[in-house]
């Protein structure tokens, strides 16, 4: 059985989701540097998704407190961006688990 895995480009997915700052952080984390590894790139990507979720939560709080500086439109957009980022992270996790399972089930 010939298995070909299509690489997942998290930075490209973040750009398509309208999160250029997240994509830039992922690209910076993935840039060749000493000690750069897959785990550090994944950690940085998850950290940026977490930051996006925290920002959306803070904006929700400000809207609920009737802060005139925070609009409901901006808040809804931030919530959707954080949700898309989280869904992308879940898909990455699912693909990693599936790849691990496939490798472990291979007969030697």
N, C-alpha and C. Protein backbone atom coordinates (compact mmCIF):
# COMPACT_ATOMS: atom_id res chain seq x y z
N UNK A 1 0.85 -1.17 0.00
CA UNK A 1 0.00 0.00 0.00
C UNK A 1 0.89 1.23 0.00
N UNK A 2 0.67 2.14 -0.92
CA UNK A 2 1.47 3.35 -1.06
C UNK A 2 0.73 4.50 -0.38
N UNK A 3 1.32 5.04 0.69
CA UNK A 3 0.70 6.12 1.44
C UNK A 3 1.41 7.42 1.13
N UNK A 4 0.64 8.40 0.70
CA UNK A 4 1.19 9.72 0.43
C UNK A 4 0.42 10.72 1.28
N UNK A 5 1.13 11.41 2.14
CA UNK A 5 0.51 12.41 2.99
C UNK A 5 0.70 13.78 2.38
N UNK A 6 -0.36 14.50 2.26
CA UNK A 6 -0.28 15.86 1.75
C UNK A 6 0.10 16.76 2.92
N UNK A 7 1.16 17.55 2.78
CA UNK A 7 1.57 18.40 3.90
C UNK A 7 0.53 19.48 4.17
N UNK A 8 0.35 19.78 5.43
CA UNK A 8 -0.59 20.81 5.85
C UNK A 8 0.18 22.08 6.13
N UNK A 9 -0.16 23.13 5.46
CA UNK A 9 0.51 24.42 5.66
C UNK A 9 -0.36 25.27 6.56
N UNK A 10 -0.02 25.32 7.84
CA UNK A 10 -0.81 26.05 8.83
C UNK A 10 -0.82 27.54 8.53
N UNK A 11 0.33 28.08 8.07
CA UNK A 11 0.41 29.51 7.76
C UNK A 11 -0.53 29.86 6.62
N UNK A 12 -0.60 29.01 5.61
CA UNK A 12 -1.50 29.27 4.48
C UNK A 12 -2.95 29.20 4.93
N UNK A 13 -3.28 28.24 5.78
CA UNK A 13 -4.64 28.12 6.29
C UNK A 13 -5.03 29.34 7.11
N UNK A 14 -4.10 29.84 7.91
CA UNK A 14 -4.38 31.03 8.71
C UNK A 14 -4.56 32.25 7.81
N UNK A 15 -3.79 32.35 6.75
CA UNK A 15 -3.94 33.46 5.82
C UNK A 15 -5.30 33.41 5.14
N UNK A 16 -5.70 32.22 4.70
CA UNK A 16 -7.02 32.07 4.07
C UNK A 16 -8.15 32.39 5.03
N UNK A 17 -7.93 32.14 6.33
CA UNK A 17 -8.95 32.40 7.33
C UNK A 17 -8.99 33.87 7.72
N UNK A 18 -8.11 34.68 7.14
CA UNK A 18 -8.11 36.11 7.43
C UNK A 18 -7.35 36.46 8.70
N UNK A 19 -6.36 35.64 9.05
CA UNK A 19 -5.56 35.89 10.24
C UNK A 19 -4.09 36.06 9.84
N UNK A 20 -3.76 37.19 9.21
CA UNK A 20 -2.38 37.36 8.74
C UNK A 20 -1.35 37.41 9.86
N UNK A 21 -1.73 37.94 11.03
CA UNK A 21 -0.77 38.00 12.13
C UNK A 21 -0.44 36.60 12.65
N UNK A 22 -1.41 35.72 12.66
CA UNK A 22 -1.16 34.33 13.07
C UNK A 22 -0.27 33.64 12.04
N UNK A 23 -0.58 33.88 10.77
CA UNK A 23 0.23 33.27 9.70
C UNK A 23 1.67 33.75 9.77
N UNK A 24 1.86 35.04 10.07
CA UNK A 24 3.22 35.56 10.15
C UNK A 24 3.98 34.95 11.33
N UNK A 25 3.28 34.77 12.46
CA UNK A 25 3.93 34.14 13.62
C UNK A 25 4.34 32.70 13.30
N UNK A 26 3.48 32.00 12.58
CA UNK A 26 3.79 30.62 12.22
C UNK A 26 4.98 30.58 11.26
N UNK A 27 4.98 31.51 10.29
CA UNK A 27 6.11 31.55 9.35
C UNK A 27 7.41 31.88 10.08
N UNK A 28 7.35 32.84 11.01
CA UNK A 28 8.55 33.19 11.77
C UNK A 28 9.03 32.01 12.62
N UNK A 29 8.08 31.28 13.18
CA UNK A 29 8.45 30.13 14.01
C UNK A 29 9.03 29.01 13.16
N UNK A 30 8.56 28.90 11.91
CA UNK A 30 9.02 27.82 11.05
C UNK A 30 10.29 28.18 10.28
N UNK A 31 10.73 29.43 10.40
CA UNK A 31 11.94 29.85 9.70
C UNK A 31 13.12 29.05 10.23
N UNK A 32 14.04 28.67 9.34
CA UNK A 32 15.18 27.88 9.79
C UNK A 32 16.00 28.63 10.83
N UNK A 33 16.12 28.03 11.96
CA UNK A 33 16.91 28.61 13.04
C UNK A 33 17.48 27.46 13.86
N UNK A 34 18.45 27.78 14.65
CA UNK A 34 19.03 26.74 15.50
C UNK A 34 18.00 26.26 16.49
N UNK A 35 17.88 24.96 16.60
CA UNK A 35 16.95 24.38 17.56
C UNK A 35 15.50 24.37 17.08
N UNK A 36 15.26 24.86 15.86
CA UNK A 36 13.89 24.86 15.34
C UNK A 36 13.47 23.42 15.08
N UNK A 37 12.28 23.10 15.50
CA UNK A 37 11.80 21.74 15.32
C UNK A 37 10.30 21.77 15.07
N UNK A 38 9.77 20.61 14.72
CA UNK A 38 8.34 20.51 14.49
C UNK A 38 7.56 20.84 15.76
N UNK A 39 8.06 20.36 16.89
CA UNK A 39 7.34 20.61 18.13
C UNK A 39 7.30 22.09 18.48
N UNK A 40 8.39 22.82 18.21
CA UNK A 40 8.36 24.26 18.51
C UNK A 40 7.44 24.99 17.55
N UNK A 41 7.40 24.57 16.28
CA UNK A 41 6.49 25.20 15.32
C UNK A 41 5.04 24.95 15.72
N UNK A 42 4.75 23.72 16.13
CA UNK A 42 3.39 23.39 16.55
C UNK A 42 3.02 24.14 17.82
N UNK A 43 3.96 24.24 18.74
CA UNK A 43 3.71 24.98 19.98
C UNK A 43 3.42 26.44 19.69
N UNK A 44 4.19 27.04 18.80
CA UNK A 44 3.96 28.44 18.45
C UNK A 44 2.62 28.63 17.74
N UNK A 45 2.25 27.71 16.89
CA UNK A 45 0.96 27.79 16.21
C UNK A 45 -0.19 27.69 17.21
N UNK A 46 -0.07 26.76 18.15
CA UNK A 46 -1.12 26.62 19.17
C UNK A 46 -1.17 27.84 20.09
N UNK A 47 -0.02 28.40 20.37
CA UNK A 47 0.02 29.61 21.19
C UNK A 47 -0.69 30.76 20.49
N UNK A 48 -0.49 30.89 19.19
CA UNK A 48 -1.15 31.97 18.45
C UNK A 48 -2.66 31.76 18.38
N UNK A 49 -3.10 30.51 18.27
CA UNK A 49 -4.54 30.22 18.30
C UNK A 49 -5.10 30.58 19.67
N UNK A 50 -4.36 30.24 20.71
CA UNK A 50 -4.79 30.58 22.07
C UNK A 50 -4.87 32.09 22.27
N UNK A 51 -3.89 32.81 21.74
CA UNK A 51 -3.92 34.28 21.84
C UNK A 51 -5.13 34.85 21.13
N UNK A 52 -5.46 34.29 19.98
CA UNK A 52 -6.63 34.73 19.22
C UNK A 52 -7.92 34.49 20.02
N UNK A 53 -8.01 33.34 20.66
CA UNK A 53 -9.17 33.03 21.49
C UNK A 53 -9.26 33.96 22.69
N UNK A 54 -8.13 34.24 23.31
CA UNK A 54 -8.12 35.15 24.45
C UNK A 54 -8.54 36.56 24.04
N UNK A 55 -8.09 37.00 22.87
CA UNK A 55 -8.48 38.32 22.38
C UNK A 55 -9.98 38.37 22.13
N UNK A 56 -10.55 37.34 21.52
CA UNK A 56 -11.99 37.29 21.27
C UNK A 56 -12.77 37.29 22.58
N UNK A 57 -12.29 36.56 23.56
CA UNK A 57 -12.95 36.52 24.86
C UNK A 57 -12.92 37.89 25.53
N UNK A 58 -11.77 38.56 25.45
CA UNK A 58 -11.65 39.91 26.02
C UNK A 58 -12.61 40.87 25.31
N UNK A 59 -12.70 40.76 24.01
CA UNK A 59 -13.61 41.64 23.27
C UNK A 59 -15.07 41.37 23.64
N UNK A 60 -15.42 40.09 23.83
CA UNK A 60 -16.77 39.75 24.26
C UNK A 60 -17.07 40.38 25.61
N UNK A 61 -16.11 40.31 26.51
CA UNK A 61 -16.28 40.90 27.83
C UNK A 61 -16.51 42.40 27.73
N UNK A 62 -15.71 43.06 26.88
CA UNK A 62 -15.84 44.51 26.72
C UNK A 62 -17.19 44.89 26.12
N UNK A 63 -17.67 44.10 25.16
CA UNK A 63 -18.99 44.38 24.58
C UNK A 63 -20.08 44.20 25.61
N UNK A 64 -19.97 43.15 26.42
CA UNK A 64 -21.00 42.91 27.44
C UNK A 64 -21.00 43.99 28.52
N UNK A 65 -19.85 44.67 28.69
CA UNK A 65 -19.77 45.77 29.66
C UNK A 65 -20.07 47.12 29.02
N UNK A 66 -20.56 47.09 27.77
CA UNK A 66 -20.95 48.29 27.02
C UNK A 66 -19.81 49.27 26.83
N UNK A 67 -18.64 48.76 26.52
CA UNK A 67 -17.50 49.61 26.20
C UNK A 67 -17.73 50.20 24.81
N UNK A 68 -17.81 51.53 24.68
CA UNK A 68 -18.08 52.13 23.37
C UNK A 68 -16.91 52.00 22.38
N UNK A 69 -15.73 51.66 22.86
CA UNK A 69 -14.57 51.54 21.99
C UNK A 69 -14.52 50.20 21.25
N UNK A 70 -15.32 49.23 21.70
CA UNK A 70 -15.32 47.90 21.10
C UNK A 70 -16.67 47.68 20.43
N UNK A 71 -16.64 47.42 19.13
CA UNK A 71 -17.87 47.21 18.38
C UNK A 71 -18.26 45.75 18.33
N UNK A 72 -19.55 45.52 18.18
CA UNK A 72 -20.05 44.15 18.10
C UNK A 72 -19.55 43.47 16.82
N UNK A 73 -19.39 44.27 15.74
CA UNK A 73 -18.92 43.68 14.48
C UNK A 73 -17.50 43.16 14.63
N UNK A 74 -16.63 43.97 15.23
CA UNK A 74 -15.24 43.56 15.45
C UNK A 74 -15.18 42.32 16.33
N UNK A 75 -16.04 42.29 17.33
CA UNK A 75 -16.07 41.17 18.26
C UNK A 75 -16.50 39.89 17.55
N UNK A 76 -17.52 39.98 16.72
CA UNK A 76 -17.99 38.80 16.00
C UNK A 76 -16.92 38.29 15.03
N UNK A 77 -16.22 39.21 14.38
CA UNK A 77 -15.15 38.81 13.47
C UNK A 77 -14.03 38.13 14.24
N UNK A 78 -13.65 38.69 15.38
CA UNK A 78 -12.60 38.08 16.20
C UNK A 78 -13.01 36.69 16.68
N UNK A 79 -14.29 36.54 17.03
CA UNK A 79 -14.78 35.23 17.47
C UNK A 79 -14.71 34.22 16.34
N UNK A 80 -15.10 34.63 15.13
CA UNK A 80 -15.05 33.72 13.99
C UNK A 80 -13.61 33.35 13.63
N UNK A 81 -12.71 34.32 13.68
CA UNK A 81 -11.30 34.04 13.39
C UNK A 81 -10.73 33.04 14.39
N UNK A 82 -11.06 33.24 15.67
CA UNK A 82 -10.54 32.31 16.67
C UNK A 82 -11.15 30.92 16.50
N UNK A 83 -12.41 30.86 16.11
CA UNK A 83 -13.05 29.57 15.89
C UNK A 83 -12.42 28.85 14.70
N UNK A 84 -12.14 29.58 13.63
CA UNK A 84 -11.52 28.97 12.45
C UNK A 84 -10.11 28.48 12.79
N UNK A 85 -9.38 29.29 13.54
CA UNK A 85 -8.04 28.87 13.96
C UNK A 85 -8.08 27.62 14.81
N UNK A 86 -9.04 27.55 15.72
CA UNK A 86 -9.19 26.37 16.57
C UNK A 86 -9.55 25.15 15.74
N UNK A 87 -10.47 25.32 14.78
CA UNK A 87 -10.84 24.19 13.93
C UNK A 87 -9.66 23.71 13.10
N UNK A 88 -8.83 24.64 12.64
CA UNK A 88 -7.63 24.24 11.88
C UNK A 88 -6.68 23.46 12.78
N UNK A 89 -6.52 23.91 14.03
CA UNK A 89 -5.65 23.21 14.96
C UNK A 89 -6.17 21.81 15.26
N UNK A 90 -7.48 21.68 15.39
CA UNK A 90 -8.08 20.36 15.63
C UNK A 90 -7.85 19.45 14.42
N UNK A 91 -7.96 19.99 13.21
CA UNK A 91 -7.72 19.18 12.02
C UNK A 91 -6.26 18.72 11.95
N UNK A 92 -5.34 19.59 12.33
CA UNK A 92 -3.93 19.22 12.37
C UNK A 92 -3.73 18.08 13.37
N UNK A 93 -4.33 18.23 14.54
CA UNK A 93 -4.23 17.18 15.54
C UNK A 93 -4.80 15.86 15.04
N UNK A 94 -5.96 15.93 14.39
CA UNK A 94 -6.58 14.71 13.87
C UNK A 94 -5.70 14.04 12.83
N UNK A 95 -5.10 14.84 11.97
CA UNK A 95 -4.22 14.25 10.94
C UNK A 95 -2.97 13.65 11.56
N UNK A 96 -2.44 14.28 12.58
CA UNK A 96 -1.28 13.72 13.26
C UNK A 96 -1.61 12.40 13.94
N UNK A 97 -2.75 12.34 14.60
CA UNK A 97 -3.17 11.10 15.25
C UNK A 97 -3.42 10.01 14.22
N UNK A 98 -4.05 10.37 13.11
CA UNK A 98 -4.31 9.38 12.06
C UNK A 98 -3.00 8.88 11.46
N UNK A 99 -2.05 9.78 11.22
CA UNK A 99 -0.75 9.37 10.67
C UNK A 99 -0.02 8.45 11.65
N UNK A 100 -0.08 8.79 12.93
CA UNK A 100 0.55 7.95 13.94
C UNK A 100 -0.10 6.57 13.97
N UNK A 101 -1.42 6.53 13.91
CA UNK A 101 -2.13 5.25 13.92
C UNK A 101 -1.78 4.42 12.69
N UNK A 102 -1.72 5.09 11.52
CA UNK A 102 -1.37 4.37 10.30
C UNK A 102 0.03 3.78 10.39
N UNK A 103 0.95 4.55 10.90
CA UNK A 103 2.33 4.06 11.03
C UNK A 103 2.41 2.90 12.02
N UNK A 104 1.72 3.01 13.14
CA UNK A 104 1.75 1.96 14.15
C UNK A 104 1.08 0.68 13.66
N UNK A 105 0.13 0.79 12.74
CA UNK A 105 -0.58 -0.38 12.24
C UNK A 105 0.10 -1.01 11.04
N UNK A 106 1.18 -0.43 10.56
CA UNK A 106 1.89 -1.01 9.42
C UNK A 106 2.58 -2.30 9.83
N UNK A 107 2.51 -3.26 8.94
CA UNK A 107 3.21 -4.52 9.19
C UNK A 107 4.63 -4.41 8.68
N UNK A 108 5.54 -4.88 9.48
CA UNK A 108 6.95 -4.79 9.11
C UNK A 108 7.42 -6.08 8.48
